[in-house]
Amino acid sequence: MNAELIGILRRSVVLGGLVLALQIRTDKRLDAFGDQRDGRSGPIERRITRLEGLTEGTG
C-alpha cells in the first residue's frame, strides 16, 4: 500500500469517528429535549382532546 492510500484510509477513519461522535451527541440532546417537552405536554393534549370532541359533536 502506498502512502497516498494510507492517508486516504486514515482520513476516512477519522471522519467516520467524527460523524459517529456527533451523531451520539445529537441523539443525547434530542433525548434531553424530549424529556423537557414531556413535562409540558399535558395542557396541549387536553386542548387537542377538547377540540377533537368539539369537531365530533358538530359532525
Protein backbone atom coordinates (compact mmCIF):
# COMPACT_ATOMS: atom_id res chain seq x y z
CA MET A 1 0.00 0.00 0.00
CA ASN A 2 1.38 3.36 -0.90
CA ALA A 3 1.42 6.44 1.30
CA GLU A 4 -1.50 8.12 -0.50
CA LEU A 5 -3.83 5.19 0.11
CA ILE A 6 -2.83 5.02 3.76
CA GLY A 7 -3.52 8.74 4.11
CA ILE A 8 -6.94 8.39 2.48
CA LEU A 9 -7.86 5.46 4.73
CA ARG A 10 -6.66 7.30 7.81
CA ARG A 11 -8.75 10.37 6.97
CA SER A 12 -11.77 8.17 6.29
CA VAL A 13 -11.49 6.57 9.71
CA VAL A 14 -11.11 9.95 11.40
CA LEU A 15 -14.11 11.40 9.57
CA GLY A 16 -16.17 8.30 10.37
CA GLY A 17 -15.32 8.66 14.06
CA LEU A 18 -16.22 12.34 13.99
CA VAL A 19 -19.58 11.65 12.37
CA LEU A 20 -20.31 8.91 14.90
CA ALA A 21 -19.38 11.14 17.85
CA LEU A 22 -21.55 13.98 16.56
CA GLN A 23 -24.47 11.61 15.98
CA ILE A 24 -24.24 10.31 19.55
CA ARG A 25 -24.12 13.88 20.87
CA THR A 26 -27.13 14.87 18.78
CA ASP A 27 -29.11 11.85 20.00
CA LYS A 28 -28.39 12.77 23.62
CA ARG A 29 -29.52 16.36 23.06
CA LEU A 30 -32.72 15.23 21.34
CA ASP A 31 -33.46 12.83 24.21
CA ALA A 32 -32.97 15.65 26.72
CA PHE A 33 -35.24 17.91 24.68
CA GLY A 34 -37.91 15.20 24.57
CA ASP A 35 -37.71 14.77 28.33
CA GLN A 36 -38.21 18.51 28.85
CA ARG A 37 -41.13 18.59 26.47
CA ASP A 38 -42.88 15.60 28.07
CA GLY A 39 -43.43 17.58 31.25
CA ARG A 40 -45.31 20.33 29.39
CA SER A 41 -47.43 18.24 27.02
CA GLY A 42 -50.36 17.76 29.41
CA PRO A 43 -52.17 21.04 28.70
CA ILE A 44 -51.66 20.65 24.97
CA GLU A 45 -53.09 17.13 24.99
CA ARG A 46 -56.15 18.35 26.91
CA ARG A 47 -56.70 21.12 24.38
CA ILE A 48 -56.40 18.74 21.43
CA THR A 49 -58.80 16.30 23.06
CA ARG A 50 -61.28 19.11 23.66
CA LEU A 51 -61.03 20.27 20.03
CA GLU A 52 -61.50 16.72 18.77
CA GLY A 53 -64.62 16.39 20.92
CA LEU A 54 -66.00 19.65 19.58
CA THR A 55 -65.40 18.63 15.96
CA GLU A 56 -67.07 15.24 16.51
CA GLY A 57 -70.07 16.91 18.12
CA THR A 58 -70.65 19.22 15.18
CA GLY A 59 -70.44 16.48 12.54
